[in-house]
Amino acid sequence: MPLAFAPRARRVAAPLLCALALGCGAADATPAATPSTPSKSAGAAVSTAAPQSLPLVALSGQPLDNKLLEGKVVLFVNVASQCGFTGQYKGLQKLSEDYAARGLVVVGVPCNQFGAQEPGKPEEIASFCQMNYGVTFPLLEKQEVNGGGRSALYAALVSSPAGGGKDIGWNFEKFLVGRDGKVVGRYPSRVAPDAAELKTAIEAALGA
């Protein structure tokens, strides 16, 4: 689905590498302590809602048509424009192109909770993604994935059996949701879009 915003600025420079103090780099794992720490977030209460059925809002501020996700395999990814993992946008776009015809939808979820690495306004985020990575898959409104303001979407993802009730560790974590609305896999930032384990899981979900 093409993004709603047309580019209105000159080409944006390649994403900035994260400061070393933040420990974010293309080869870095998610922070060791976070994945093993159960969430204490208020929004992390167990949710039985299928992520595809939740009311979602697109980056443009308009409601996302749930028919775009109905009966699809969906890969939800919390994204940011100024992280060492930002280059994964390229791989996510390729996944979208390679598997869309078979029923995969990649959904990017901008989040500014990790090192304030997604500070832009909606139109800036849209322009950055289009100009630098040719992104055509849906992007949602910016939202919180941890803490008391955790969105309903991430409450459902995190509280699922596959989510394990654990806080999101960093930008570009991935949740794979089957056609039936069940979360079938959770992958940390270091698992790239072209990683064999992720592609194998996508193939299995599409064939289910």
Protein backbone atom coordinates (compact mmCIF):
# COMPACT_ATOMS: atom_id res chain seq x y z
CA MET A 1 0.00 0.00 0.00
CA PRO A 2 1.67 3.27 -1.02
CA LEU A 3 2.29 5.68 1.80
CA ALA A 4 0.02 8.72 1.96
CA PHE A 5 2.75 11.36 2.03
CA ALA A 6 4.59 12.56 -1.04
CA PRO A 7 8.25 13.46 -0.48
CA ARG A 8 8.49 17.19 0.23
CA ALA A 9 12.16 17.64 1.03
CA ARG A 10 15.58 16.95 -0.37
CA ARG A 11 16.94 13.45 0.04
CA VAL A 12 17.53 12.62 3.66
CA ALA A 13 21.00 11.55 4.61
CA ALA A 14 21.64 7.89 5.48
CA PRO A 15 20.56 7.07 9.05
CA LEU A 16 22.92 8.14 11.80
CA LEU A 17 24.70 5.41 13.72
CA CYS A 18 23.60 5.16 17.32
CA ALA A 19 25.91 6.65 19.92
CA LEU A 20 28.28 4.05 21.33
CA ALA A 21 26.88 4.71 24.76
CA LEU A 22 23.51 3.45 23.62
CA GLY A 23 25.01 0.15 22.47
CA CYS A 24 23.10 0.05 19.20
CA GLY A 25 24.84 -1.22 16.09
CA ALA A 26 24.11 -3.42 13.13
CA ALA A 27 25.83 -6.37 14.76
CA ASP A 28 24.66 -5.72 18.32
CA ALA A 29 22.25 -7.95 20.17
CA THR A 30 19.40 -6.44 22.12
CA PRO A 31 20.45 -5.44 25.65
CA ALA A 32 21.08 -8.63 27.61
CA ALA A 33 19.07 -7.74 30.69
CA THR A 34 15.91 -6.65 28.97
CA PRO A 35 14.75 -9.83 27.18
CA SER A 36 14.96 -11.86 30.38
CA THR A 37 13.11 -9.33 32.51
CA PRO A 38 9.33 -9.82 32.68
CA SER A 39 7.43 -6.65 31.85
CA LYS A 40 5.99 -4.56 34.65
CA SER A 41 4.22 -2.27 32.21
CA ALA A 42 0.64 -1.33 32.93
CA GLY A 43 -0.21 -1.95 29.29
CA ALA A 44 1.15 -5.47 29.39
CA ALA A 45 -2.00 -7.08 30.75
CA VAL A 46 -2.91 -10.28 28.95
CA SER A 47 -4.84 -9.55 25.77
CA THR A 48 -6.73 -12.11 23.73
CA ALA A 49 -7.39 -9.78 20.80
CA ALA A 50 -5.93 -10.74 17.43
CA PRO A 51 -3.54 -7.95 16.42
CA GLN A 52 -5.08 -7.80 12.93
CA SER A 53 -8.51 -7.07 14.42
CA LEU A 54 -7.46 -4.10 16.57
CA PRO A 55 -8.30 -0.54 15.47
CA LEU A 56 -5.03 0.69 13.99
CA VAL A 57 -4.12 4.20 12.84
CA ALA A 58 -1.84 4.79 9.87
CA LEU A 59 1.09 7.21 9.92
CA SER A 60 -1.09 9.69 8.05
CA GLY A 61 -3.45 9.84 11.04
CA GLN A 62 -6.22 8.03 9.19
CA PRO A 63 -7.63 4.68 10.36
CA LEU A 64 -5.91 1.72 8.74
CA ASP A 65 -8.34 -0.45 6.82
CA ASN A 66 -8.38 -3.75 8.72
CA LYS A 67 -9.17 -5.54 5.47
CA LEU A 68 -5.52 -4.98 4.53
CA LEU A 69 -4.54 -7.38 7.32
CA GLU A 70 -7.55 -9.69 7.47
CA GLY A 71 -6.52 -13.27 6.73
CA LYS A 72 -2.89 -12.22 6.18
CA VAL A 73 0.37 -13.20 7.79
CA VAL A 74 1.66 -9.99 9.37
CA LEU A 75 5.17 -9.00 10.45
CA PHE A 76 5.01 -6.13 12.95
CA VAL A 77 8.28 -4.24 13.47
CA ASN A 78 8.95 -1.26 15.78
CA VAL A 79 11.05 1.02 13.60
CA ALA A 80 13.26 4.10 13.97
CA SER A 81 15.08 6.37 11.51
CA GLN A 82 18.30 7.06 13.40
CA CYS A 83 19.39 3.65 14.67
CA GLY A 84 22.20 1.33 13.64
CA PHE A 85 19.48 -1.15 12.63
CA THR A 86 17.68 1.36 10.38
CA GLY A 87 19.21 -0.28 7.32
CA GLN A 88 16.87 -3.21 7.97
CA TYR A 89 14.20 -1.15 6.21
CA LYS A 90 15.77 -2.37 2.96
CA GLY A 91 15.34 -6.01 3.94
CA LEU A 92 11.82 -5.43 5.22
CA GLN A 93 10.85 -3.88 1.90
CA LYS A 94 12.30 -6.88 0.07
CA LEU A 95 10.31 -9.26 2.28
CA SER A 96 7.20 -7.27 1.43
CA GLU A 97 7.91 -7.45 -2.28
CA ASP A 98 8.85 -11.14 -2.26
CA TYR A 99 5.94 -12.42 -0.19
CA ALA A 100 3.06 -9.97 -0.65
CA ALA A 101 1.46 -12.05 -3.38
CA ARG A 102 1.38 -15.02 -1.01
CA GLY A 103 -0.24 -13.09 1.80
CA LEU A 104 2.48 -11.40 3.89
CA VAL A 105 2.04 -7.83 5.09
CA VAL A 106 4.94 -6.02 6.74
CA VAL A 107 3.81 -3.27 9.13
CA GLY A 108 6.24 -0.70 10.51
CA VAL A 109 5.49 0.88 13.87
CA PRO A 110 7.54 4.03 14.56
CA CYS A 111 8.62 4.38 18.17
CA ASN A 112 10.78 7.00 19.90
CA GLN A 113 11.35 5.14 23.18
CA PHE A 114 14.84 3.82 22.47
CA GLY A 115 17.49 6.54 22.52
CA ALA A 116 14.97 9.02 21.05
CA GLN A 117 15.90 7.64 17.62
CA GLU A 118 12.53 8.35 15.94
CA PRO A 119 12.01 12.06 16.71
CA GLY A 120 10.49 13.05 13.37
CA LYS A 121 6.99 14.17 12.52
CA PRO A 122 4.81 11.77 10.50
CA GLU A 123 5.55 13.46 7.19
CA GLU A 124 9.29 13.40 7.92
CA ILE A 125 9.21 9.69 8.75
CA ALA A 126 7.24 8.91 5.59
CA SER A 127 9.59 10.97 3.41
CA PHE A 128 12.68 9.37 4.96
CA CYS A 129 11.38 5.85 4.35
CA GLN A 130 10.36 6.53 0.76
CA MET A 131 13.46 8.42 -0.28
CA ASN A 132 16.04 6.16 1.33
CA TYR A 133 14.45 2.70 1.14
CA GLY A 134 11.48 2.93 -1.24
CA VAL A 135 9.15 1.71 1.48
CA THR A 136 5.66 0.86 0.29
CA PHE A 137 4.44 -1.30 3.19
CA PRO A 138 2.11 0.27 5.79
CA LEU A 139 3.48 2.44 8.57
CA LEU A 140 1.40 3.09 11.66
CA GLU A 141 1.25 6.19 13.80
CA LYS A 142 4.11 6.63 16.27
CA GLN A 143 3.36 4.76 19.49
CA GLU A 144 4.82 3.44 22.71
CA VAL A 145 5.72 -0.22 22.94
CA ASN A 146 6.80 -0.31 26.60
CA GLY A 147 5.61 1.28 29.83
CA GLY A 148 2.25 2.51 31.02
CA GLY A 149 1.50 4.05 27.62
CA ARG A 150 2.04 0.81 25.72
CA SER A 151 -0.37 0.66 22.79
CA ALA A 152 -3.14 -1.91 22.55
CA LEU A 153 -1.30 -3.47 19.60
CA TYR A 154 1.87 -4.05 21.58
CA ALA A 155 -0.07 -5.17 24.63
CA ALA A 156 -1.51 -7.94 22.46
CA LEU A 157 1.84 -8.84 20.91
CA VAL A 158 3.86 -8.82 24.12
CA SER A 159 1.28 -10.66 26.23
CA SER A 160 0.95 -13.50 23.73
CA PRO A 161 2.62 -16.85 24.51
CA ALA A 162 5.23 -16.17 21.83
CA GLY A 163 5.74 -12.65 23.17
CA GLY A 164 6.49 -14.02 26.62
CA GLY A 165 5.33 -10.93 28.49
CA LYS A 166 8.77 -9.34 28.14
CA ASP A 167 9.42 -5.70 27.31
CA ILE A 168 10.67 -4.75 23.86
CA GLY A 169 14.46 -4.59 24.02
CA TRP A 170 15.28 -2.16 21.20
CA ASN A 171 14.27 -0.86 17.78
CA PHE A 172 13.47 -3.36 15.02
CA GLU A 173 12.16 -6.24 17.11
CA LYS A 174 9.82 -8.37 15.04
CA PHE A 175 6.56 -10.19 15.77
CA LEU A 176 5.19 -12.66 13.25
CA VAL A 177 1.43 -13.16 13.38
CA GLY A 178 -0.37 -15.98 11.57
CA ARG A 179 -3.50 -15.70 9.46
CA ASP A 180 -5.56 -16.75 12.50
CA GLY A 181 -4.31 -13.81 14.57
CA LYS A 182 -1.99 -15.86 16.78
CA VAL A 183 1.55 -14.61 17.36
CA VAL A 184 3.81 -17.38 16.11
CA GLY A 185 7.25 -15.83 16.62
CA ARG A 186 9.22 -13.02 18.20
CA TYR A 187 12.65 -12.03 16.92
CA PRO A 188 15.17 -9.58 18.44
CA SER A 189 16.70 -6.68 16.56
CA ARG A 190 19.81 -8.64 15.57
CA VAL A 191 17.71 -11.07 13.50
CA ALA A 192 17.81 -9.39 10.09
CA PRO A 193 14.87 -9.54 7.67
CA ASP A 194 16.81 -11.94 5.44
CA ALA A 195 17.79 -14.26 8.31
CA ALA A 196 17.06 -17.91 7.56
CA GLU A 197 15.15 -18.44 10.81
CA LEU A 198 12.77 -15.57 10.06
CA LYS A 199 12.21 -16.49 6.42
CA THR A 200 11.61 -20.13 7.37
CA ALA A 201 8.97 -19.03 9.90
CA ILE A 202 7.33 -16.77 7.30
CA GLU A 203 7.20 -19.60 4.78
CA ALA A 204 5.64 -21.91 7.39
CA ALA A 205 3.03 -19.32 8.38
CA LEU A 206 2.11 -18.64 4.76
CA GLY A 207 1.70 -22.34 4.14
CA ALA A 208 -0.40 -23.00 7.24
